[in-house]
Each structure stands twice: as C-alpha cells, then as structure tokens.
N, C-alpha and C. Protein backbone atom coordinates (compact mmCIF):
# COMPACT_ATOMS: atom_id res chain seq x y z
N GLN A 1 -18.89 -65.32 14.54
CA GLN A 1 -19.33 -64.02 15.00
C GLN A 1 -20.74 -64.13 15.56
N VAL A 2 -21.07 -63.17 16.42
CA VAL A 2 -22.37 -63.17 17.04
C VAL A 2 -23.44 -62.90 16.01
N GLN A 3 -24.47 -63.74 15.99
CA GLN A 3 -25.62 -63.53 15.13
C GLN A 3 -26.91 -63.69 15.94
N LEU A 4 -27.81 -62.80 15.73
CA LEU A 4 -29.14 -62.86 16.31
C LEU A 4 -30.14 -62.72 15.19
N VAL A 5 -31.01 -63.71 15.04
CA VAL A 5 -31.96 -63.70 13.93
C VAL A 5 -33.38 -63.83 14.48
N GLU A 6 -34.15 -62.77 14.33
CA GLU A 6 -35.52 -62.79 14.80
C GLU A 6 -36.45 -63.35 13.72
N SER A 7 -37.55 -63.90 14.19
CA SER A 7 -38.60 -64.38 13.27
C SER A 7 -39.92 -64.38 14.02
N GLY A 8 -41.00 -64.56 13.27
CA GLY A 8 -42.31 -64.70 13.88
C GLY A 8 -43.20 -63.47 13.81
N GLY A 9 -42.69 -62.39 13.29
CA GLY A 9 -43.52 -61.21 13.18
C GLY A 9 -44.60 -61.36 12.12
N GLY A 10 -45.49 -60.39 12.08
CA GLY A 10 -46.55 -60.46 11.10
C GLY A 10 -47.64 -59.46 11.38
N LEU A 11 -48.72 -59.60 10.64
CA LEU A 11 -49.91 -58.72 10.77
C LEU A 11 -50.98 -59.49 11.54
N VAL A 12 -51.43 -58.92 12.65
CA VAL A 12 -52.49 -59.55 13.44
C VAL A 12 -53.53 -58.49 13.80
N GLN A 13 -54.69 -58.97 14.21
CA GLN A 13 -55.76 -58.07 14.62
C GLN A 13 -55.63 -57.79 16.12
N PRO A 14 -56.18 -56.69 16.57
CA PRO A 14 -56.16 -56.39 18.01
C PRO A 14 -56.77 -57.55 18.80
N GLY A 15 -56.12 -57.88 19.93
CA GLY A 15 -56.59 -58.95 20.78
C GLY A 15 -55.98 -60.32 20.45
N GLU A 16 -55.34 -60.42 19.33
CA GLU A 16 -54.74 -61.69 18.94
C GLU A 16 -53.34 -61.85 19.57
N SER A 17 -52.75 -63.01 19.30
CA SER A 17 -51.45 -63.36 19.89
C SER A 17 -50.41 -63.63 18.81
N LEU A 18 -49.15 -63.53 19.22
CA LEU A 18 -48.03 -63.77 18.33
C LEU A 18 -46.85 -64.16 19.19
N THR A 19 -46.05 -65.07 18.69
CA THR A 19 -44.81 -65.42 19.41
C THR A 19 -43.61 -65.15 18.50
N LEU A 20 -42.68 -64.37 19.03
CA LEU A 20 -41.45 -64.08 18.32
C LEU A 20 -40.35 -65.00 18.81
N SER A 21 -39.45 -65.31 17.90
CA SER A 21 -38.28 -66.14 18.24
C SER A 21 -37.01 -65.40 17.85
N CYS A 22 -35.95 -65.68 18.59
CA CYS A 22 -34.64 -65.14 18.26
C CYS A 22 -33.63 -66.27 18.37
N ALA A 23 -33.06 -66.60 17.23
CA ALA A 23 -32.05 -67.68 17.19
C ALA A 23 -30.66 -67.04 17.32
N ALA A 24 -29.90 -67.53 18.27
CA ALA A 24 -28.58 -66.95 18.54
C ALA A 24 -27.47 -67.91 18.17
N SER A 25 -26.36 -67.36 17.75
CA SER A 25 -25.18 -68.18 17.44
C SER A 25 -23.92 -67.31 17.58
N GLY A 26 -22.80 -68.00 17.68
CA GLY A 26 -21.53 -67.31 17.72
C GLY A 26 -21.04 -66.94 19.12
N PHE A 27 -21.77 -67.34 20.12
CA PHE A 27 -21.33 -67.08 21.50
C PHE A 27 -21.98 -68.11 22.41
N THR A 28 -21.51 -68.13 23.66
CA THR A 28 -22.03 -69.09 24.64
C THR A 28 -23.35 -68.56 25.18
N PHE A 29 -24.40 -68.93 24.49
CA PHE A 29 -25.73 -68.36 24.73
C PHE A 29 -26.15 -68.45 26.19
N SER A 30 -25.90 -69.59 26.80
CA SER A 30 -26.38 -69.81 28.17
C SER A 30 -25.71 -68.93 29.20
N SER A 31 -24.67 -68.22 28.81
CA SER A 31 -23.94 -67.36 29.74
C SER A 31 -24.40 -65.91 29.75
N TYR A 32 -25.34 -65.56 28.85
CA TYR A 32 -25.67 -64.16 28.67
C TYR A 32 -27.16 -63.90 28.81
N ALA A 33 -27.43 -62.76 29.46
CA ALA A 33 -28.80 -62.27 29.48
C ALA A 33 -29.21 -61.86 28.07
N MET A 34 -30.51 -61.92 27.83
CA MET A 34 -31.07 -61.55 26.53
C MET A 34 -32.23 -60.60 26.76
N SER A 35 -32.53 -59.83 25.77
CA SER A 35 -33.66 -58.93 25.90
C SER A 35 -34.32 -58.68 24.55
N TRP A 36 -35.56 -58.25 24.62
CA TRP A 36 -36.32 -57.81 23.45
C TRP A 36 -36.57 -56.32 23.56
N TYR A 37 -36.36 -55.64 22.48
CA TYR A 37 -36.66 -54.21 22.35
C TYR A 37 -37.62 -54.03 21.19
N ARG A 38 -38.22 -52.85 21.11
CA ARG A 38 -39.05 -52.54 19.97
C ARG A 38 -38.90 -51.07 19.62
N GLN A 39 -39.17 -50.78 18.36
CA GLN A 39 -39.11 -49.40 17.89
C GLN A 39 -40.25 -49.14 16.94
N ALA A 40 -41.10 -48.24 17.35
CA ALA A 40 -42.24 -47.82 16.52
C ALA A 40 -41.80 -46.64 15.65
N PRO A 41 -42.48 -46.42 14.53
CA PRO A 41 -42.12 -45.29 13.66
C PRO A 41 -42.11 -43.97 14.41
N GLY A 42 -41.02 -43.23 14.26
CA GLY A 42 -40.94 -41.93 14.89
C GLY A 42 -40.64 -41.94 16.37
N LYS A 43 -40.40 -43.14 16.92
CA LYS A 43 -40.14 -43.24 18.35
C LYS A 43 -38.78 -43.89 18.59
N GLU A 44 -38.30 -43.71 19.82
CA GLU A 44 -37.04 -44.33 20.19
C GLU A 44 -37.22 -45.80 20.47
N ARG A 45 -36.13 -46.56 20.32
CA ARG A 45 -36.17 -47.97 20.65
C ARG A 45 -36.34 -48.10 22.16
N GLU A 46 -37.22 -49.03 22.57
CA GLU A 46 -37.50 -49.19 24.00
C GLU A 46 -37.41 -50.65 24.42
N LEU A 47 -37.03 -50.84 25.67
CA LEU A 47 -36.97 -52.20 26.23
C LEU A 47 -38.38 -52.75 26.41
N VAL A 48 -38.57 -53.97 25.96
CA VAL A 48 -39.85 -54.66 26.15
C VAL A 48 -39.73 -55.66 27.29
N ALA A 49 -38.70 -56.52 27.24
CA ALA A 49 -38.54 -57.54 28.25
C ALA A 49 -37.10 -58.03 28.27
N GLY A 50 -36.67 -58.49 29.43
CA GLY A 50 -35.32 -59.06 29.56
C GLY A 50 -35.34 -60.33 30.37
N ILE A 51 -34.37 -61.18 30.16
CA ILE A 51 -34.31 -62.45 30.90
C ILE A 51 -32.84 -62.74 31.20
N SER A 52 -32.60 -63.24 32.40
CA SER A 52 -31.23 -63.53 32.82
C SER A 52 -30.74 -64.78 32.10
N SER A 53 -29.45 -65.07 32.28
CA SER A 53 -28.81 -66.13 31.51
C SER A 53 -29.45 -67.51 31.74
N ALA A 54 -29.82 -67.79 32.98
CA ALA A 54 -30.45 -69.08 33.28
C ALA A 54 -31.98 -69.01 33.24
N GLY A 55 -32.48 -67.84 33.00
CA GLY A 55 -33.93 -67.67 32.90
C GLY A 55 -34.63 -67.46 34.22
N ARG A 56 -33.85 -67.26 35.29
CA ARG A 56 -34.47 -67.15 36.60
C ARG A 56 -35.12 -65.79 36.81
N TYR A 57 -34.51 -64.75 36.24
CA TYR A 57 -35.00 -63.40 36.45
C TYR A 57 -35.53 -62.82 35.11
N ARG A 58 -36.67 -62.16 35.20
CA ARG A 58 -37.27 -61.55 34.03
C ARG A 58 -37.79 -60.17 34.43
N ASN A 59 -37.75 -59.27 33.47
CA ASN A 59 -38.32 -57.94 33.71
C ASN A 59 -39.08 -57.51 32.46
N TYR A 60 -40.06 -56.65 32.70
CA TYR A 60 -40.95 -56.24 31.59
C TYR A 60 -41.21 -54.74 31.67
N ALA A 61 -41.44 -54.14 30.50
CA ALA A 61 -41.94 -52.78 30.48
C ALA A 61 -43.35 -52.78 31.04
N ASP A 62 -43.70 -51.70 31.70
CA ASP A 62 -45.03 -51.62 32.30
C ASP A 62 -46.11 -51.79 31.24
N SER A 63 -45.88 -51.34 30.04
CA SER A 63 -46.89 -51.38 28.99
C SER A 63 -47.22 -52.79 28.52
N VAL A 64 -46.35 -53.77 28.82
CA VAL A 64 -46.60 -55.15 28.35
C VAL A 64 -46.77 -56.13 29.48
N LYS A 65 -46.65 -55.68 30.73
CA LYS A 65 -46.78 -56.61 31.87
C LYS A 65 -48.15 -57.26 31.85
N GLY A 66 -48.14 -58.58 32.05
CA GLY A 66 -49.39 -59.32 32.05
C GLY A 66 -49.85 -59.75 30.69
N ARG A 67 -49.24 -59.23 29.64
CA ARG A 67 -49.61 -59.62 28.26
C ARG A 67 -48.50 -60.35 27.55
N PHE A 68 -47.25 -59.97 27.85
CA PHE A 68 -46.10 -60.57 27.15
C PHE A 68 -45.33 -61.45 28.13
N THR A 69 -44.71 -62.51 27.60
CA THR A 69 -43.86 -63.39 28.40
C THR A 69 -42.57 -63.67 27.62
N ILE A 70 -41.45 -63.41 28.29
CA ILE A 70 -40.16 -63.73 27.69
C ILE A 70 -39.68 -65.07 28.25
N SER A 71 -39.10 -65.89 27.40
CA SER A 71 -38.55 -67.17 27.83
C SER A 71 -37.36 -67.51 26.98
N ARG A 72 -36.63 -68.52 27.39
CA ARG A 72 -35.45 -68.93 26.63
C ARG A 72 -35.28 -70.43 26.74
N ASP A 73 -34.63 -70.98 25.73
CA ASP A 73 -34.27 -72.39 25.71
C ASP A 73 -32.79 -72.46 25.44
N ASN A 74 -32.00 -72.66 26.48
CA ASN A 74 -30.54 -72.64 26.32
C ASN A 74 -30.04 -73.82 25.52
N ALA A 75 -30.82 -74.89 25.46
CA ALA A 75 -30.42 -76.04 24.65
C ALA A 75 -30.56 -75.75 23.16
N LYS A 76 -31.46 -74.83 22.85
CA LYS A 76 -31.69 -74.47 21.45
C LYS A 76 -31.10 -73.11 21.08
N ASN A 77 -30.43 -72.48 22.02
CA ASN A 77 -29.87 -71.14 21.77
C ASN A 77 -30.93 -70.19 21.24
N ALA A 78 -32.05 -70.15 21.91
CA ALA A 78 -33.15 -69.32 21.43
C ALA A 78 -33.85 -68.59 22.57
N VAL A 79 -34.34 -67.43 22.26
CA VAL A 79 -35.13 -66.67 23.21
C VAL A 79 -36.47 -66.31 22.51
N TYR A 80 -37.53 -66.29 23.31
CA TYR A 80 -38.87 -66.13 22.74
C TYR A 80 -39.58 -64.94 23.40
N LEU A 81 -40.55 -64.44 22.70
CA LEU A 81 -41.44 -63.43 23.26
C LEU A 81 -42.87 -63.77 22.89
N GLU A 82 -43.61 -64.24 23.85
CA GLU A 82 -45.02 -64.54 23.65
C GLU A 82 -45.82 -63.27 23.89
N MET A 83 -46.62 -62.91 22.93
CA MET A 83 -47.38 -61.66 23.02
C MET A 83 -48.86 -61.98 22.90
N HIS A 84 -49.62 -61.57 23.91
CA HIS A 84 -51.06 -61.81 23.92
C HIS A 84 -51.81 -60.48 24.03
N SER A 85 -53.07 -60.53 23.70
CA SER A 85 -53.92 -59.33 23.80
C SER A 85 -53.25 -58.14 23.13
N LEU A 86 -52.78 -58.37 21.93
CA LEU A 86 -52.03 -57.32 21.24
C LEU A 86 -52.90 -56.12 20.93
N LYS A 87 -52.26 -54.95 21.01
CA LYS A 87 -52.92 -53.67 20.79
C LYS A 87 -52.26 -52.95 19.62
N PRO A 88 -52.97 -52.05 19.00
CA PRO A 88 -52.34 -51.27 17.88
C PRO A 88 -51.05 -50.60 18.33
N GLU A 89 -50.98 -50.15 19.57
CA GLU A 89 -49.76 -49.49 20.04
C GLU A 89 -48.58 -50.44 20.24
N ASP A 90 -48.79 -51.73 20.06
CA ASP A 90 -47.69 -52.70 20.08
C ASP A 90 -47.01 -52.79 18.72
N THR A 91 -47.57 -52.13 17.74
CA THR A 91 -47.00 -52.13 16.39
C THR A 91 -45.60 -51.52 16.41
N ALA A 92 -44.63 -52.29 15.94
CA ALA A 92 -43.23 -51.85 15.97
C ALA A 92 -42.36 -52.92 15.31
N VAL A 93 -41.11 -52.57 15.10
CA VAL A 93 -40.11 -53.57 14.74
C VAL A 93 -39.52 -54.06 16.06
N TYR A 94 -39.51 -55.36 16.23
CA TYR A 94 -39.03 -55.98 17.47
C TYR A 94 -37.62 -56.53 17.25
N TYR A 95 -36.72 -56.22 18.18
CA TYR A 95 -35.34 -56.60 18.08
C TYR A 95 -34.91 -57.44 19.27
N CYS A 96 -34.05 -58.37 19.01
CA CYS A 96 -33.40 -59.19 20.01
C CYS A 96 -32.03 -58.55 20.30
N LYS A 97 -31.62 -58.59 21.55
CA LYS A 97 -30.35 -57.93 21.92
C LYS A 97 -29.60 -58.72 22.98
N THR A 98 -28.28 -58.70 22.86
CA THR A 98 -27.44 -59.20 23.96
C THR A 98 -26.23 -58.28 24.07
N VAL A 99 -25.57 -58.38 25.18
CA VAL A 99 -24.37 -57.58 25.43
C VAL A 99 -23.24 -58.50 25.86
N SER A 100 -22.10 -58.40 25.21
CA SER A 100 -20.99 -59.25 25.52
C SER A 100 -20.36 -58.87 26.86
N SER A 101 -19.50 -59.73 27.35
CA SER A 101 -18.82 -59.44 28.60
C SER A 101 -17.96 -58.18 28.49
N GLY A 102 -17.53 -57.87 27.27
CA GLY A 102 -16.74 -56.67 27.07
C GLY A 102 -17.55 -55.42 26.81
N GLY A 103 -18.86 -55.58 26.84
CA GLY A 103 -19.74 -54.42 26.68
C GLY A 103 -20.20 -54.14 25.26
N THR A 104 -19.87 -55.01 24.33
CA THR A 104 -20.34 -54.82 22.95
C THR A 104 -21.82 -55.23 22.86
N ILE A 105 -22.60 -54.36 22.25
CA ILE A 105 -24.01 -54.63 22.09
C ILE A 105 -24.28 -55.24 20.73
N TYR A 106 -25.05 -56.31 20.75
CA TYR A 106 -25.40 -56.99 19.49
C TYR A 106 -26.92 -56.95 19.33
N TRP A 107 -27.33 -56.62 18.11
CA TRP A 107 -28.75 -56.56 17.76
C TRP A 107 -29.04 -57.51 16.60
N GLY A 108 -30.24 -58.03 16.57
CA GLY A 108 -30.70 -58.71 15.40
C GLY A 108 -31.19 -57.71 14.37
N GLN A 109 -31.68 -58.23 13.26
CA GLN A 109 -32.11 -57.35 12.17
C GLN A 109 -33.54 -56.84 12.39
N GLY A 110 -34.24 -57.47 13.32
CA GLY A 110 -35.60 -57.04 13.65
C GLY A 110 -36.67 -57.79 12.89
N THR A 111 -37.86 -57.84 13.47
CA THR A 111 -38.99 -58.44 12.82
C THR A 111 -40.21 -57.52 13.05
N GLN A 112 -40.96 -57.28 12.01
CA GLN A 112 -42.07 -56.34 12.06
C GLN A 112 -43.31 -56.97 12.68
N VAL A 113 -43.90 -56.30 13.62
CA VAL A 113 -45.17 -56.70 14.19
C VAL A 113 -46.16 -55.56 13.92
N THR A 114 -47.25 -55.87 13.27
CA THR A 114 -48.28 -54.88 12.98
C THR A 114 -49.61 -55.35 13.53
N VAL A 115 -50.19 -54.54 14.38
CA VAL A 115 -51.48 -54.87 14.98
C VAL A 115 -52.51 -53.89 14.44
N SER A 116 -53.40 -54.41 13.62
CA SER A 116 -54.36 -53.55 12.95
C SER A 116 -55.60 -54.33 12.56
N SER A 117 -56.73 -53.67 12.63
CA SER A 117 -57.98 -54.31 12.16
C SER A 117 -58.22 -53.97 10.70
C-alpha cells in the first residue's frame, strides 16, 4: 500500500534553515508528481511546493518563493523540501502528498515545523 513518511521537522529560530524529507513506498515513485502542503493552527491546508515526476517542473506558493526548494531523488523514492530564511509564519505541520492515476489522494502523517525565538 502507498506510504508517505515525513521527517526532519523541528524547532528552529527565525532565519534558520531546515530540510524535510518524505520517504515513499508502495507505488512507482518515479511516475508521479509529488507535493508538499502545510497546515497552521486554525488555517486550511495549503500548497507549499510541487514537483513533476522527473523533477523537471516545480511550482511554489508565493509566500515561499526564493526561500524554499523542492527536489526529489527517484532512486531513493524520496522528495525533499529545503527551507531557508524561516519565518514564524512558516510554523505549521508539513505534509507530503501524491495522487494516484485513479485520483486517490495520499497524505503522509505530517511533520511539525515550529519557527520561534
């Protein structure tokens, strides 16, 4: 079965960096686009970044452009989110997501990122 497992979250100070990882299994990883979402307390889940199956195309939320980078390693079945110049408003639970060819949406369990001094 499809499994997405995020890791790498934690508590950092404003301006610091963090890299999240998402380990995927149970499907042909290299055939599917992947994305990162986040959900802050009291807010809706929002798209942070997406990457195409081969990694050629990437898109970002305006709020993270220039600070975050999404990448993937199809040999390792993993997708990453490098986050730099973190701000308190980046505090959220970050989720990895993929969508099957049949339209089923799969989410990981999430990893907490807290940016605070």
